[in-house]
């Protein structure tokens, strides 16, 4: 089972992204397999990991290969199991994987907040609180990682 390290703060500019990337890179240098999760709708971790030249093209070529696309079945109340994400291997860093962020991830923040308070009364929202943790767990198993490092700014509060 992968160990989870979360960098979380509501405020921007406190070095969550830089710390996440550098910690992941150092763990990879120590021989660990690491999953970087960009759960900040600004997608700065994705930009750092992919590089500016490939960043924009990635989203054009793979519009749903990101955290929002992976979580969409749960948030759209589709009766399907969440699948492990085929993450991006960070160039030149075998064993360092990225679950790319989404500029549209913040759209889910309101739904998740509602699900925490009304999950007993709204059947379509019952599975949302655990969906993020489940997705990360499945993705970590798929890539056989030792660590999951998340860069959070939205209010996803989950344990894996």
N, C-alpha and C. Protein backbone atom coordinates (compact mmCIF):
# COMPACT_ATOMS: atom_id res chain seq x y z
N UNK A 1 0.84 -1.18 0.00
CA UNK A 1 0.00 0.00 0.00
C UNK A 1 0.89 1.25 0.00
N UNK A 2 0.57 2.18 -0.86
CA UNK A 2 1.35 3.40 -0.99
C UNK A 2 1.13 4.32 0.20
N UNK A 3 2.20 4.99 0.58
CA UNK A 3 2.10 6.03 1.60
C UNK A 3 1.64 7.31 0.90
N UNK A 4 0.80 8.08 1.59
CA UNK A 4 0.24 9.29 1.01
C UNK A 4 0.79 10.51 1.73
N UNK A 5 1.28 11.47 0.95
CA UNK A 5 1.74 12.75 1.48
C UNK A 5 0.95 13.83 0.76
N UNK A 6 0.23 14.64 1.54
CA UNK A 6 -0.61 15.69 0.96
C UNK A 6 -0.05 17.06 1.30
N UNK A 7 0.10 17.87 0.27
CA UNK A 7 0.44 19.28 0.46
C UNK A 7 -0.87 20.03 0.27
N UNK A 8 -1.36 20.65 1.33
CA UNK A 8 -2.67 21.27 1.27
C UNK A 8 -2.67 22.62 1.96
N UNK A 9 -3.27 23.57 1.30
CA UNK A 9 -3.51 24.88 1.89
C UNK A 9 -4.51 25.59 0.99
N UNK A 10 -5.42 26.34 1.57
CA UNK A 10 -6.37 27.10 0.77
C UNK A 10 -5.70 28.26 0.05
N UNK A 11 -4.61 28.73 0.61
CA UNK A 11 -3.93 29.90 0.07
C UNK A 11 -2.92 29.48 -1.00
N UNK A 12 -2.81 30.28 -2.01
CA UNK A 12 -1.80 30.05 -3.03
C UNK A 12 -0.48 30.68 -2.64
N UNK A 13 0.59 30.29 -3.32
CA UNK A 13 1.89 30.91 -3.11
C UNK A 13 2.61 30.50 -1.86
N UNK A 14 2.27 29.35 -1.29
CA UNK A 14 2.93 28.90 -0.07
C UNK A 14 3.88 27.73 -0.32
N UNK A 15 4.20 27.47 -1.58
CA UNK A 15 5.19 26.48 -2.00
C UNK A 15 4.70 25.03 -1.97
N UNK A 16 3.39 24.81 -2.08
CA UNK A 16 2.87 23.44 -2.13
C UNK A 16 3.37 22.71 -3.37
N UNK A 17 3.28 23.35 -4.50
CA UNK A 17 3.64 22.72 -5.77
C UNK A 17 5.13 22.44 -5.84
N UNK A 18 5.94 23.40 -5.50
CA UNK A 18 7.39 23.23 -5.54
C UNK A 18 7.82 22.13 -4.58
N UNK A 19 7.26 22.13 -3.38
CA UNK A 19 7.60 21.09 -2.40
C UNK A 19 7.15 19.72 -2.90
N UNK A 20 5.96 19.64 -3.47
CA UNK A 20 5.47 18.36 -3.99
C UNK A 20 6.40 17.80 -5.05
N UNK A 21 6.75 18.63 -6.01
CA UNK A 21 7.61 18.16 -7.11
C UNK A 21 8.99 17.77 -6.61
N UNK A 22 9.60 18.60 -5.78
CA UNK A 22 10.95 18.30 -5.30
C UNK A 22 10.99 17.08 -4.40
N UNK A 23 9.97 16.90 -3.57
CA UNK A 23 9.90 15.72 -2.72
C UNK A 23 9.74 14.46 -3.58
N UNK A 24 8.87 14.51 -4.56
CA UNK A 24 8.68 13.37 -5.46
C UNK A 24 9.96 13.04 -6.21
N UNK A 25 10.63 14.06 -6.71
CA UNK A 25 11.88 13.86 -7.45
C UNK A 25 12.93 13.22 -6.55
N UNK A 26 13.04 13.67 -5.31
CA UNK A 26 14.04 13.13 -4.39
C UNK A 26 13.71 11.68 -4.01
N UNK A 27 12.44 11.40 -3.77
CA UNK A 27 12.05 10.01 -3.47
C UNK A 27 12.37 9.11 -4.66
N UNK A 28 12.14 9.60 -5.88
CA UNK A 28 12.47 8.84 -7.08
C UNK A 28 13.98 8.61 -7.17
N UNK A 29 14.76 9.61 -6.82
CA UNK A 29 16.22 9.46 -6.81
C UNK A 29 16.66 8.39 -5.81
N UNK A 30 15.87 8.18 -4.76
CA UNK A 30 16.16 7.17 -3.74
C UNK A 30 15.63 5.79 -4.15
N UNK A 31 15.12 5.68 -5.38
CA UNK A 31 14.65 4.39 -5.88
C UNK A 31 13.19 4.09 -5.65
N UNK A 32 12.44 5.04 -5.17
CA UNK A 32 11.00 4.83 -4.92
C UNK A 32 10.20 5.16 -6.17
N UNK A 33 9.07 4.49 -6.31
CA UNK A 33 8.11 4.79 -7.38
C UNK A 33 7.09 5.76 -6.79
N UNK A 34 6.83 6.86 -7.50
CA UNK A 34 6.03 7.95 -6.93
C UNK A 34 4.95 8.39 -7.91
N UNK A 35 3.77 8.60 -7.38
CA UNK A 35 2.65 9.16 -8.14
C UNK A 35 2.43 10.60 -7.67
N UNK A 36 2.60 11.54 -8.58
CA UNK A 36 2.31 12.95 -8.32
C UNK A 36 0.87 13.22 -8.76
N UNK A 37 0.07 13.80 -7.88
CA UNK A 37 -1.32 14.09 -8.19
C UNK A 37 -1.53 15.60 -8.15
N UNK A 38 -1.92 16.16 -9.28
CA UNK A 38 -2.17 17.60 -9.36
C UNK A 38 -3.67 17.84 -9.14
N UNK A 39 -4.01 18.16 -7.89
CA UNK A 39 -5.41 18.42 -7.54
C UNK A 39 -5.65 19.90 -7.30
N UNK A 40 -4.83 20.72 -7.91
CA UNK A 40 -4.99 22.17 -7.84
C UNK A 40 -5.42 22.63 -9.23
N UNK A 41 -6.54 23.31 -9.31
CA UNK A 41 -7.09 23.67 -10.62
C UNK A 41 -6.22 24.67 -11.39
N UNK A 42 -5.17 25.17 -10.79
CA UNK A 42 -4.24 26.02 -11.54
C UNK A 42 -3.27 25.18 -12.38
N UNK A 43 -3.15 23.90 -12.09
CA UNK A 43 -2.35 22.93 -12.86
C UNK A 43 -0.86 23.26 -12.93
N UNK A 44 -0.33 23.93 -11.93
CA UNK A 44 1.09 24.28 -11.95
C UNK A 44 1.99 23.05 -11.83
N UNK A 45 1.57 22.05 -11.05
CA UNK A 45 2.37 20.84 -10.93
C UNK A 45 2.46 20.11 -12.27
N UNK A 46 1.36 20.08 -12.98
CA UNK A 46 1.35 19.46 -14.31
C UNK A 46 2.30 20.22 -15.24
N UNK A 47 2.27 21.53 -15.18
CA UNK A 47 3.14 22.35 -16.01
C UNK A 47 4.61 22.08 -15.71
N UNK A 48 4.95 21.99 -14.44
CA UNK A 48 6.34 21.71 -14.06
C UNK A 48 6.76 20.32 -14.54
N UNK A 49 5.90 19.34 -14.31
CA UNK A 49 6.25 17.95 -14.63
C UNK A 49 6.33 17.70 -16.14
N UNK A 50 5.44 18.31 -16.90
CA UNK A 50 5.44 18.09 -18.36
C UNK A 50 6.40 19.03 -19.08
N UNK A 51 6.61 20.19 -18.51
CA UNK A 51 7.40 21.21 -19.18
C UNK A 51 6.48 22.10 -20.00
N UNK A 52 6.84 23.36 -20.10
CA UNK A 52 5.97 24.33 -20.78
C UNK A 52 5.71 23.98 -22.24
N UNK A 53 6.69 23.39 -22.92
CA UNK A 53 6.52 23.07 -24.34
C UNK A 53 5.45 22.01 -24.56
N UNK A 54 5.33 21.05 -23.66
CA UNK A 54 4.39 19.95 -23.84
C UNK A 54 3.06 20.16 -23.11
N UNK A 55 3.02 21.11 -22.20
CA UNK A 55 1.85 21.34 -21.35
C UNK A 55 0.57 21.58 -22.16
N UNK A 56 0.55 22.60 -22.99
CA UNK A 56 -0.66 22.93 -23.75
C UNK A 56 -1.03 21.83 -24.72
N UNK A 57 -0.05 21.25 -25.37
CA UNK A 57 -0.32 20.19 -26.35
C UNK A 57 -0.91 18.95 -25.68
N UNK A 58 -0.48 18.66 -24.46
CA UNK A 58 -1.01 17.50 -23.74
C UNK A 58 -2.53 17.61 -23.60
N UNK A 59 -3.02 18.79 -23.21
CA UNK A 59 -4.46 18.96 -23.01
C UNK A 59 -5.23 18.94 -24.32
N UNK A 60 -4.61 19.34 -25.40
CA UNK A 60 -5.25 19.24 -26.71
C UNK A 60 -5.34 17.79 -27.16
N UNK A 61 -4.27 17.04 -26.94
CA UNK A 61 -4.22 15.64 -27.36
C UNK A 61 -5.00 14.70 -26.44
N UNK A 62 -5.09 15.04 -25.16
CA UNK A 62 -5.71 14.17 -24.15
C UNK A 62 -6.65 14.97 -23.25
N UNK A 63 -7.77 15.44 -23.78
CA UNK A 63 -8.64 16.33 -23.00
C UNK A 63 -9.24 15.72 -21.74
N UNK A 64 -9.34 14.40 -21.65
CA UNK A 64 -9.94 13.77 -20.47
C UNK A 64 -8.95 12.97 -19.65
N UNK A 65 -7.69 12.98 -20.01
CA UNK A 65 -6.67 12.21 -19.28
C UNK A 65 -6.12 13.07 -18.15
N UNK A 66 -7.00 13.34 -17.19
CA UNK A 66 -6.63 14.19 -16.06
C UNK A 66 -7.53 13.83 -14.88
N UNK A 67 -7.31 14.50 -13.79
CA UNK A 67 -8.02 14.16 -12.57
C UNK A 67 -9.53 14.36 -12.69
N UNK A 68 -9.96 15.41 -13.37
CA UNK A 68 -11.40 15.63 -13.53
C UNK A 68 -12.02 14.55 -14.41
N UNK A 69 -11.35 14.20 -15.49
CA UNK A 69 -11.86 13.14 -16.35
C UNK A 69 -11.97 11.81 -15.62
N UNK A 70 -10.99 11.53 -14.78
CA UNK A 70 -11.00 10.28 -14.03
C UNK A 70 -12.12 10.22 -12.99
N UNK A 71 -12.44 11.36 -12.40
CA UNK A 71 -13.49 11.42 -11.38
C UNK A 71 -14.89 11.65 -11.94
N UNK A 72 -14.99 11.96 -13.21
CA UNK A 72 -16.29 12.32 -13.78
C UNK A 72 -17.38 11.25 -13.60
N UNK A 73 -17.09 9.95 -13.69
CA UNK A 73 -18.20 9.00 -13.45
C UNK A 73 -18.85 9.16 -12.08
N UNK A 74 -18.05 9.42 -11.06
CA UNK A 74 -18.62 9.59 -9.72
C UNK A 74 -19.41 10.89 -9.62
N UNK A 75 -18.86 11.97 -10.15
CA UNK A 75 -19.53 13.27 -10.03
C UNK A 75 -20.72 13.40 -10.97
N UNK A 76 -20.74 12.61 -12.03
CA UNK A 76 -21.88 12.62 -12.95
C UNK A 76 -22.88 11.52 -12.62
N UNK A 77 -22.68 10.84 -11.48
CA UNK A 77 -23.56 9.78 -10.99
C UNK A 77 -23.76 8.67 -12.00
N UNK A 78 -22.70 8.31 -12.70
CA UNK A 78 -22.75 7.19 -13.64
C UNK A 78 -22.53 5.89 -12.87
N UNK A 79 -23.29 4.86 -13.17
CA UNK A 79 -23.16 3.60 -12.43
C UNK A 79 -22.00 2.73 -12.94
N UNK A 80 -20.80 3.31 -12.90
CA UNK A 80 -19.60 2.56 -13.32
C UNK A 80 -18.52 2.74 -12.27
N UNK A 81 -17.66 1.73 -12.18
CA UNK A 81 -16.55 1.76 -11.24
C UNK A 81 -15.48 2.72 -11.75
N UNK A 82 -14.90 3.49 -10.86
CA UNK A 82 -13.78 4.34 -11.25
C UNK A 82 -12.60 3.45 -11.63
N UNK A 83 -11.91 3.83 -12.68
CA UNK A 83 -10.78 3.07 -13.18
C UNK A 83 -9.46 3.75 -12.83
N UNK A 84 -8.43 2.95 -12.70
CA UNK A 84 -7.09 3.50 -12.51
C UNK A 84 -6.74 4.37 -13.71
N UNK A 85 -6.03 5.45 -13.46
CA UNK A 85 -5.64 6.37 -14.52
C UNK A 85 -4.31 5.91 -15.12
N UNK A 86 -4.24 5.93 -16.44
CA UNK A 86 -2.96 5.69 -17.11
C UNK A 86 -2.20 7.01 -17.04
N UNK A 87 -1.37 7.12 -16.03
CA UNK A 87 -0.67 8.39 -15.77
C UNK A 87 0.45 8.62 -16.76
N UNK A 88 0.94 9.83 -16.75
CA UNK A 88 2.04 10.25 -17.60
C UNK A 88 3.34 9.99 -16.86
N UNK A 89 4.28 9.33 -17.51
CA UNK A 89 5.61 9.19 -16.91
C UNK A 89 6.36 10.48 -17.14
N UNK A 90 6.90 11.04 -16.06
CA UNK A 90 7.64 12.29 -16.17
C UNK A 90 8.91 12.02 -16.97
N UNK A 91 9.12 12.83 -17.98
CA UNK A 91 10.23 12.64 -18.91
C UNK A 91 11.57 12.58 -18.18
N UNK A 92 12.33 11.53 -18.46
CA UNK A 92 13.64 11.36 -17.86
C UNK A 92 13.60 10.86 -16.43
N UNK A 93 12.42 10.52 -15.93
CA UNK A 93 12.27 10.08 -14.53
C UNK A 93 11.44 8.80 -14.46
N UNK A 94 12.00 7.70 -14.93
CA UNK A 94 11.28 6.43 -14.88
C UNK A 94 10.88 6.14 -13.44
N UNK A 95 9.60 5.81 -13.24
CA UNK A 95 9.09 5.54 -11.91
C UNK A 95 8.46 6.76 -11.25
N UNK A 96 8.45 7.89 -11.94
CA UNK A 96 7.78 9.09 -11.44
C UNK A 96 6.61 9.37 -12.38
N UNK A 97 5.40 9.22 -11.84
CA UNK A 97 4.18 9.32 -12.63
C UNK A 97 3.38 10.55 -12.24
N UNK A 98 2.67 11.10 -13.20
CA UNK A 98 1.85 12.28 -12.98
C UNK A 98 0.40 11.99 -13.33
N UNK A 99 -0.49 12.28 -12.39
CA UNK A 99 -1.92 12.34 -12.69
C UNK A 99 -2.19 13.82 -12.93
N UNK A 100 -2.32 14.22 -14.20
CA UNK A 100 -2.44 15.64 -14.54
C UNK A 100 -3.65 16.31 -13.91
N UNK A 101 -3.50 17.59 -13.68
CA UNK A 101 -4.59 18.39 -13.14
C UNK A 101 -5.58 18.79 -14.22
N UNK A 102 -6.60 19.50 -13.80
CA UNK A 102 -7.61 20.00 -14.72
C UNK A 102 -8.01 21.41 -14.29
N UNK A 103 -8.06 22.31 -15.26
CA UNK A 103 -8.49 23.67 -14.96
C UNK A 103 -9.95 23.70 -14.50
N UNK A 104 -10.70 22.66 -14.81
CA UNK A 104 -12.12 22.59 -14.49
C UNK A 104 -12.41 21.84 -13.20
N UNK A 105 -11.39 21.42 -12.48
CA UNK A 105 -11.58 20.63 -11.26
C UNK A 105 -12.40 21.37 -10.21
N UNK A 106 -12.26 22.68 -10.15
CA UNK A 106 -12.98 23.45 -9.13
C UNK A 106 -14.50 23.34 -9.29
N UNK A 107 -14.98 22.94 -10.47
CA UNK A 107 -16.43 22.74 -10.66
C UNK A 107 -16.97 21.67 -9.72
N UNK A 108 -16.11 20.72 -9.33
CA UNK A 108 -16.55 19.63 -8.46
C UNK A 108 -16.54 20.01 -6.98
N UNK A 109 -15.92 21.10 -6.64
CA UNK A 109 -15.78 21.48 -5.24
C UNK A 109 -17.13 21.67 -4.56
N UNK A 110 -18.05 22.32 -5.22
CA UNK A 110 -19.38 22.56 -4.64
C UNK A 110 -20.11 21.24 -4.43
N UNK A 111 -20.08 20.36 -5.44
CA UNK A 111 -20.75 19.07 -5.32
C UNK A 111 -20.20 18.26 -4.16
N UNK A 112 -18.88 18.29 -3.99
CA UNK A 112 -18.28 17.54 -2.91
C UNK A 112 -18.68 18.11 -1.55
N UNK A 113 -18.70 19.42 -1.44
CA UNK A 113 -19.12 20.04 -0.19
C UNK A 113 -20.55 19.69 0.17
N UNK A 114 -21.42 19.69 -0.82
CA UNK A 114 -22.82 19.31 -0.59
C UNK A 114 -22.91 17.85 -0.18
N UNK A 115 -22.11 16.99 -0.79
CA UNK A 115 -22.19 15.56 -0.48
C UNK A 115 -21.81 15.27 0.96
N UNK A 116 -20.89 16.04 1.54
CA UNK A 116 -20.51 15.83 2.93
C UNK A 116 -21.65 16.16 3.88
N UNK A 117 -22.49 17.10 3.52
CA UNK A 117 -23.56 17.51 4.42
C UNK A 117 -24.89 16.82 4.14
N UNK A 118 -25.13 16.39 2.91
CA UNK A 118 -26.43 15.84 2.55
C UNK A 118 -26.39 14.40 2.05
N UNK A 119 -25.33 13.67 2.30
CA UNK A 119 -25.20 12.34 1.69
C UNK A 119 -26.30 11.37 2.11
N UNK A 120 -26.94 11.59 3.25
CA UNK A 120 -28.02 10.70 3.65
C UNK A 120 -29.30 10.95 2.88
N UNK A 121 -29.44 12.13 2.29
CA UNK A 121 -30.70 12.46 1.64
C UNK A 121 -30.61 12.52 0.11
N UNK A 122 -29.41 12.61 -0.43
CA UNK A 122 -29.27 12.72 -1.88
C UNK A 122 -28.47 11.53 -2.41
N UNK A 123 -29.16 10.53 -2.93
CA UNK A 123 -28.52 9.29 -3.35
C UNK A 123 -27.42 9.49 -4.38
N UNK A 124 -27.58 10.45 -5.26
CA UNK A 124 -26.57 10.65 -6.30
C UNK A 124 -25.25 11.16 -5.75
N UNK A 125 -25.25 11.68 -4.54
CA UNK A 125 -24.02 12.23 -3.97
C UNK A 125 -23.36 11.33 -2.94
N UNK A 126 -23.95 10.18 -2.62
CA UNK A 126 -23.44 9.33 -1.55
C UNK A 126 -22.01 8.85 -1.74
N UNK A 127 -21.59 8.62 -2.95
CA UNK A 127 -20.27 8.04 -3.17
C UNK A 127 -19.16 9.06 -3.41
N UNK A 128 -19.50 10.34 -3.41
CA UNK A 128 -18.48 11.34 -3.71
C UNK A 128 -17.36 11.44 -2.69
N UNK A 129 -17.63 11.45 -1.39
CA UNK A 129 -16.53 11.63 -0.44
C UNK A 129 -15.42 10.58 -0.58
N UNK A 130 -15.76 9.36 -0.90
CA UNK A 130 -14.74 8.32 -1.03
C UNK A 130 -14.18 8.14 -2.43
N UNK A 131 -14.74 8.83 -3.41
CA UNK A 131 -14.33 8.59 -4.79
C UNK A 131 -12.89 9.01 -5.06
N UNK A 132 -12.46 10.11 -4.47
CA UNK A 132 -11.10 10.59 -4.70
C UNK A 132 -10.09 9.59 -4.12
N UNK A 133 -10.31 9.18 -2.89
CA UNK A 133 -9.42 8.21 -2.25
C UNK A 133 -9.40 6.90 -3.03
N UNK A 134 -10.56 6.45 -3.49
CA UNK A 134 -10.63 5.21 -4.25
C UNK A 134 -9.85 5.32 -5.55
N UNK A 135 -10.01 6.44 -6.25
CA UNK A 135 -9.29 6.65 -7.50
C UNK A 135 -7.78 6.62 -7.28
N UNK A 136 -7.31 7.30 -6.26
CA UNK A 136 -5.87 7.31 -5.98
C UNK A 136 -5.36 5.93 -5.61
N UNK A 137 -6.13 5.21 -4.84
CA UNK A 137 -5.74 3.86 -4.45
C UNK A 137 -5.62 2.94 -5.66
N UNK A 138 -6.63 2.97 -6.53
CA UNK A 138 -6.60 2.14 -7.74
C UNK A 138 -5.43 2.53 -8.65
N UNK A 139 -5.20 3.82 -8.80
CA UNK A 139 -4.13 4.30 -9.67
C UNK A 139 -2.77 3.94 -9.09
N UNK A 140 -2.61 4.05 -7.79
CA UNK A 140 -1.35 3.68 -7.13
C UNK A 140 -1.06 2.19 -7.31
N UNK A 141 -2.07 1.36 -7.15
CA UNK A 141 -1.89 -0.08 -7.36
C UNK A 141 -1.50 -0.37 -8.80
N UNK A 142 -2.16 0.27 -9.74
CA UNK A 142 -1.90 0.06 -11.16
C UNK A 142 -0.44 0.36 -11.52
N UNK A 143 0.09 1.43 -10.96
CA UNK A 143 1.46 1.85 -11.27
C UNK A 143 2.48 1.32 -10.26
N UNK A 144 2.00 0.58 -9.26
CA UNK A 144 2.85 -0.03 -8.24
C UNK A 144 3.77 1.00 -7.59
N UNK A 145 3.18 2.08 -7.11
CA UNK A 145 3.98 3.14 -6.51
C UNK A 145 4.14 2.93 -5.01
N UNK A 146 5.21 3.51 -4.49
CA UNK A 146 5.48 3.48 -3.06
C UNK A 146 4.87 4.68 -2.35
N UNK A 147 4.79 5.81 -3.08
CA UNK A 147 4.28 7.06 -2.51
C UNK A 147 3.32 7.74 -3.46
N UNK A 148 2.31 8.39 -2.87
CA UNK A 148 1.41 9.28 -3.59
C UNK A 148 1.63 10.65 -2.98
N UNK A 149 1.99 11.61 -3.81
CA UNK A 149 2.17 12.98 -3.33
C UNK A 149 1.15 13.85 -4.05
N UNK A 150 0.33 14.51 -3.25
CA UNK A 150 -0.74 15.32 -3.83
C UNK A 150 -0.51 16.80 -3.57
N UNK A 151 -0.85 17.58 -4.56
CA UNK A 151 -0.81 19.04 -4.49
C UNK A 151 -2.26 19.50 -4.51
N UNK A 152 -2.79 19.86 -3.33
CA UNK A 152 -4.19 20.25 -3.19
C UNK A 152 -4.35 21.75 -2.99
N UNK A 153 -5.38 22.27 -3.56
CA UNK A 153 -5.82 23.61 -3.18
C UNK A 153 -7.34 23.62 -3.00
N UNK A 154 -8.02 22.70 -3.65
CA UNK A 154 -9.47 22.60 -3.49
C UNK A 154 -9.77 21.82 -2.22
N UNK A 155 -11.02 21.75 -1.85
CA UNK A 155 -11.39 21.11 -0.60
C UNK A 155 -11.67 19.62 -0.75
N UNK A 156 -10.76 18.88 -1.35
CA UNK A 156 -10.86 17.43 -1.36
C UNK A 156 -10.15 16.96 -0.11
N UNK A 157 -10.88 16.44 0.84
CA UNK A 157 -10.27 15.96 2.06
C UNK A 157 -10.54 14.46 2.10
N UNK A 158 -9.51 13.67 1.82
CA UNK A 158 -9.71 12.24 1.72
C UNK A 158 -8.50 11.52 2.25
N UNK A 159 -8.71 10.29 2.66
CA UNK A 159 -7.60 9.44 3.06
C UNK A 159 -7.62 8.22 2.16
N UNK A 160 -6.45 7.72 1.87
CA UNK A 160 -6.33 6.54 1.00
C UNK A 160 -5.97 5.37 1.86
